[in-house]
Amino acid sequence: MFKEIKIITEKNECLVNITNEIQKVIAESNVKDGICVVYVPHTTAGITINSCLDSMTSEDITAEIHRLVPTRVDFKHIYDTPADAAGHIKSVLVGNSLSLIIKDGQLLLGRSQSILFFEFDGPRDRCVQLQIMRDSQ
């Protein structure tokens, strides 16, 4: 089963918790055991797993990624904007896909884990693509 989740980001850089949206798609699929591949088809966005128990965690992660790759004008590949160039590099560091285990109709995540969409060049209208595959057993 293939499905897209629409995301509208409100800031230049932010993390958006999409765990519940992905879980809803899994429930609709009726897959009890299998794999969910989560893919971000954007060059200035990414996907990761981390904690959402403390709201300051996402602020720390966003700030630290920005510190590692600040927006600047000396990138060689500034096609649109310096933020766009920095977003390309941040996307490479974070990654653009996850493979998640589905067990008993639920994502198999740790107690504090959430699936987080990472915006690096917003605000924008984005999407995340899901491919859900049933275990053959």
C-alpha atoms as a PDB file:
ATOM      1  CA  MET A   1       0.000   0.000   0.000  1.00  0.00           C
ATOM      2  CA  PHE A   2       1.307   3.445  -0.982  1.00  0.00           C
ATOM      3  CA  LYS A   3       0.148   6.643   0.710  1.00  0.00           C
ATOM      4  CA  GLU A   4       1.279  10.278   0.963  1.00  0.00           C
ATOM      5  CA  ILE A   5       1.008  12.416   4.059  1.00  0.00           C
ATOM      6  CA  LYS A   6       0.820  16.182   3.484  1.00  0.00           C
ATOM      7  CA  ILE A   7       2.785  18.467   5.805  1.00  0.00           C
ATOM      8  CA  ILE A   8       2.683  22.258   5.959  1.00  0.00           C
ATOM      9  CA  THR A   9       5.688  23.665   7.799  1.00  0.00           C
ATOM     10  CA  GLU A  10       5.477  27.060   9.454  1.00  0.00           C
ATOM     11  CA  LYS A  11       9.139  27.885  10.084  1.00  0.00           C
ATOM     12  CA  ASN A  12      12.405  27.954   8.178  1.00  0.00           C
ATOM     13  CA  GLU A  13      13.740  25.056  10.264  1.00  0.00           C
ATOM     14  CA  CYS A  14      11.605  22.829  12.443  1.00  0.00           C
ATOM     15  CA  LEU A  15      10.760  19.296  13.470  1.00  0.00           C
ATOM     16  CA  VAL A  16       7.199  18.030  12.960  1.00  0.00           C
ATOM     17  CA  ASN A  17       6.021  14.925  14.806  1.00  0.00           C
ATOM     18  CA  ILE A  18       4.230  12.738  12.228  1.00  0.00           C
ATOM     19  CA  THR A  19       4.026   9.525  14.282  1.00  0.00           C
ATOM     20  CA  ASN A  20       0.237   9.631  14.691  1.00  0.00           C
ATOM     21  CA  GLU A  21      -0.362  10.297  10.981  1.00  0.00           C
ATOM     22  CA  ILE A  22       1.815   7.314  10.017  1.00  0.00           C
ATOM     23  CA  GLN A  23       0.106   5.099  12.586  1.00  0.00           C
ATOM     24  CA  LYS A  24      -3.310   6.067  11.107  1.00  0.00           C
ATOM     25  CA  VAL A  25      -2.153   4.981   7.645  1.00  0.00           C
ATOM     26  CA  ILE A  26      -0.913   1.679   9.065  1.00  0.00           C
ATOM     27  CA  ALA A  27      -4.283   1.117  10.764  1.00  0.00           C
ATOM     28  CA  GLU A  28      -6.081   1.816   7.433  1.00  0.00           C
ATOM     29  CA  SER A  29      -3.818  -0.699   5.670  1.00  0.00           C
ATOM     30  CA  ASN A  30      -4.907  -3.546   7.991  1.00  0.00           C
ATOM     31  CA  VAL A  31      -1.312  -4.803   7.981  1.00  0.00           C
ATOM     32  CA  LYS A  32      -0.681  -6.574  11.275  1.00  0.00           C
ATOM     33  CA  ASP A  33       2.975  -7.485  10.742  1.00  0.00           C
ATOM     34  CA  GLY A  34       5.275  -6.005   8.138  1.00  0.00           C
ATOM     35  CA  ILE A  35       7.415  -3.038   7.189  1.00  0.00           C
ATOM     36  CA  CYS A  36       6.627   0.621   6.661  1.00  0.00           C
ATOM     37  CA  VAL A  37       9.113   2.547   4.538  1.00  0.00           C
ATOM     38  CA  VAL A  38       8.937   6.300   5.130  1.00  0.00           C
ATOM     39  CA  TYR A  39      10.473   8.430   2.365  1.00  0.00           C
ATOM     40  CA  VAL A  40      10.924  12.196   2.055  1.00  0.00           C
ATOM     41  CA  PRO A  41      11.078  13.249  -1.641  1.00  0.00           C
ATOM     42  CA  HIS A  42      12.595  16.685  -0.933  1.00  0.00           C
ATOM     43  CA  THR A  43      16.247  17.785  -1.081  1.00  0.00           C
ATOM     44  CA  THR A  44      15.900  20.276   1.783  1.00  0.00           C
ATOM     45  CA  ALA A  45      14.023  18.115   4.282  1.00  0.00           C
ATOM     46  CA  GLY A  46      14.677  14.913   6.191  1.00  0.00           C
ATOM     47  CA  ILE A  47      13.240  12.274   8.494  1.00  0.00           C
ATOM     48  CA  THR A  48      14.503  10.959  11.810  1.00  0.00           C
ATOM     49  CA  ILE A  49      13.463   9.187  15.011  1.00  0.00           C
ATOM     50  CA  ASN A  50      13.933  10.845  18.369  1.00  0.00           C
ATOM     51  CA  SER A  51      12.159  11.727  21.608  1.00  0.00           C
ATOM     52  CA  CYS A  52       9.188  14.067  21.881  1.00  0.00           C
ATOM     53  CA  LEU A  53       8.713  13.671  25.622  1.00  0.00           C
ATOM     54  CA  ASP A  54      10.372  17.047  26.278  1.00  0.00           C
ATOM     55  CA  SER A  55       9.406  19.788  23.817  1.00  0.00           C
ATOM     56  CA  MET A  56      12.835  21.361  24.219  1.00  0.00           C
ATOM     57  CA  THR A  57      14.467  18.303  22.621  1.00  0.00           C
ATOM     58  CA  SER A  58      13.307  19.349  19.148  1.00  0.00           C
ATOM     59  CA  GLU A  59      14.555  22.889  19.739  1.00  0.00           C
ATOM     60  CA  ASP A  60      17.972  21.565  20.806  1.00  0.00           C
ATOM     61  CA  ILE A  61      18.195  19.248  17.777  1.00  0.00           C
ATOM     62  CA  THR A  62      17.176  22.026  15.377  1.00  0.00           C
ATOM     63  CA  ALA A  63      19.618  24.498  16.927  1.00  0.00           C
ATOM     64  CA  GLU A  64      22.492  22.018  16.848  1.00  0.00           C
ATOM     65  CA  ILE A  65      21.921  21.062  13.185  1.00  0.00           C
ATOM     66  CA  HIS A  66      21.814  24.788  12.382  1.00  0.00           C
ATOM     67  CA  ARG A  67      25.073  25.300  14.314  1.00  0.00           C
ATOM     68  CA  LEU A  68      26.750  22.483  12.388  1.00  0.00           C
ATOM     69  CA  VAL A  69      25.556  23.802   9.014  1.00  0.00           C
ATOM     70  CA  PRO A  70      24.696  27.495   9.307  1.00  0.00           C
ATOM     71  CA  THR A  71      22.990  29.387   6.528  1.00  0.00           C
ATOM     72  CA  ARG A  72      25.724  31.302   4.748  1.00  0.00           C
ATOM     73  CA  VAL A  73      26.444  32.891   1.377  1.00  0.00           C
ATOM     74  CA  ASP A  74      29.764  31.194   0.587  1.00  0.00           C
ATOM     75  CA  PHE A  75      28.296  27.853  -0.529  1.00  0.00           C
ATOM     76  CA  LYS A  76      29.208  27.155  -4.143  1.00  0.00           C
ATOM     77  CA  HIS A  77      25.757  25.796  -5.049  1.00  0.00           C
ATOM     78  CA  ILE A  78      23.416  28.667  -4.163  1.00  0.00           C
ATOM     79  CA  TYR A  79      20.740  28.059  -6.808  1.00  0.00           C
ATOM     80  CA  ASP A  80      17.826  29.595  -4.940  1.00  0.00           C
ATOM     81  CA  THR A  81      19.018  30.934  -1.595  1.00  0.00           C
ATOM     82  CA  PRO A  82      21.740  30.314   1.000  1.00  0.00           C
ATOM     83  CA  ALA A  83      19.108  28.533   3.142  1.00  0.00           C
ATOM     84  CA  ASP A  84      18.396  26.196   0.229  1.00  0.00           C
ATOM     85  CA  ALA A  85      22.104  25.311  -0.064  1.00  0.00           C
ATOM     86  CA  ALA A  86      22.411  24.710   3.687  1.00  0.00           C
ATOM     87  CA  GLY A  87      19.216  22.616   3.547  1.00  0.00           C
ATOM     88  CA  HIS A  88      20.775  20.279   0.977  1.00  0.00           C
ATOM     89  CA  ILE A  89      23.692  19.555   3.300  1.00  0.00           C
ATOM     90  CA  LYS A  90      21.452  19.140   6.371  1.00  0.00           C
ATOM     91  CA  SER A  91      19.263  16.690   4.455  1.00  0.00           C
ATOM     92  CA  VAL A  92      22.314  14.548   3.674  1.00  0.00           C
ATOM     93  CA  LEU A  93      23.303  14.522   7.367  1.00  0.00           C
ATOM     94  CA  VAL A  94      19.829  13.613   8.656  1.00  0.00           C
ATOM     95  CA  GLY A  95      18.718  11.309   5.834  1.00  0.00           C
ATOM     96  CA  ASN A  96      15.544  10.951   3.798  1.00  0.00           C
ATOM     97  CA  SER A  97      14.129   7.528   4.651  1.00  0.00           C
ATOM     98  CA  LEU A  98      13.308   5.130   7.475  1.00  0.00           C
ATOM     99  CA  SER A  99      12.333   1.464   7.498  1.00  0.00           C
ATOM    100  CA  LEU A 100      10.028   0.728  10.419  1.00  0.00           C
ATOM    101  CA  ILE A 101       8.750  -2.569  11.774  1.00  0.00           C
ATOM    102  CA  ILE A 102       4.999  -3.090  12.118  1.00  0.00           C
ATOM    103  CA  LYS A 103       4.044  -5.588  14.842  1.00  0.00           C
ATOM    104  CA  ASP A 104       0.434  -6.344  15.794  1.00  0.00           C
ATOM    105  CA  GLY A 105      -0.747  -3.380  13.697  1.00  0.00           C
ATOM    106  CA  GLN A 106       1.482  -0.865  15.505  1.00  0.00           C
ATOM    107  CA  LEU A 107       4.817   0.754  14.769  1.00  0.00           C
ATOM    108  CA  LEU A 108       7.519  -0.916  16.810  1.00  0.00           C
ATOM    109  CA  LEU A 109       9.012   2.171  18.455  1.00  0.00           C
ATOM    110  CA  GLY A 110      10.716   2.659  21.797  1.00  0.00           C
ATOM    111  CA  ARG A 111       8.700   4.196  24.635  1.00  0.00           C
ATOM    112  CA  SER A 112       9.946   7.736  23.993  1.00  0.00           C
ATOM    113  CA  GLN A 113      10.499   7.512  20.227  1.00  0.00           C
ATOM    114  CA  SER A 114       8.610   9.543  17.654  1.00  0.00           C
ATOM    115  CA  ILE A 115       8.971   9.936  13.891  1.00  0.00           C
ATOM    116  CA  LEU A 116      10.029  13.477  13.115  1.00  0.00           C
ATOM    117  CA  PHE A 117       9.910  15.287   9.776  1.00  0.00           C
ATOM    118  CA  PHE A 118      12.739  17.814   9.565  1.00  0.00           C
ATOM    119  CA  GLU A 119      12.199  21.033   7.581  1.00  0.00           C
ATOM    120  CA  PHE A 120      15.396  22.828   6.536  1.00  0.00           C
ATOM    121  CA  ASP A 121      14.125  25.435   4.055  1.00  0.00           C
ATOM    122  CA  GLY A 122      10.594  26.414   4.972  1.00  0.00           C
ATOM    123  CA  PRO A 123       7.951  27.341   5.376  1.00  0.00           C
ATOM    124  CA  ARG A 124       6.688  25.021   2.638  1.00  0.00           C
ATOM    125  CA  ASP A 125       4.038  22.516   1.640  1.00  0.00           C
ATOM    126  CA  ARG A 126       5.688  19.103   1.864  1.00  0.00           C
ATOM    127  CA  CYS A 127       4.821  15.431   1.693  1.00  0.00           C
ATOM    128  CA  VAL A 128       6.078  12.178   3.126  1.00  0.00           C
ATOM    129  CA  GLN A 129       5.568   8.982   1.149  1.00  0.00           C
ATOM    130  CA  LEU A 130       4.783   5.668   2.817  1.00  0.00           C
ATOM    131  CA  GLN A 131       5.031   2.171   1.413  1.00  0.00           C
ATOM    132  CA  ILE A 132       3.510  -0.459   3.698  1.00  0.00           C
ATOM    133  CA  MET A 133       4.327  -4.114   3.054  1.00  0.00           C
ATOM    134  CA  ARG A 134       2.721  -7.087   4.726  1.00  0.00           C
ATOM    135  CA  ASP A 135       4.901  -9.872   6.138  1.00  0.00           C
ATOM    136  CA  SER A 136       4.595 -12.879   3.825  1.00  0.00           C
ATOM    137  CA  GLN A 137       4.359 -15.392   6.685  1.00  0.00           C
END
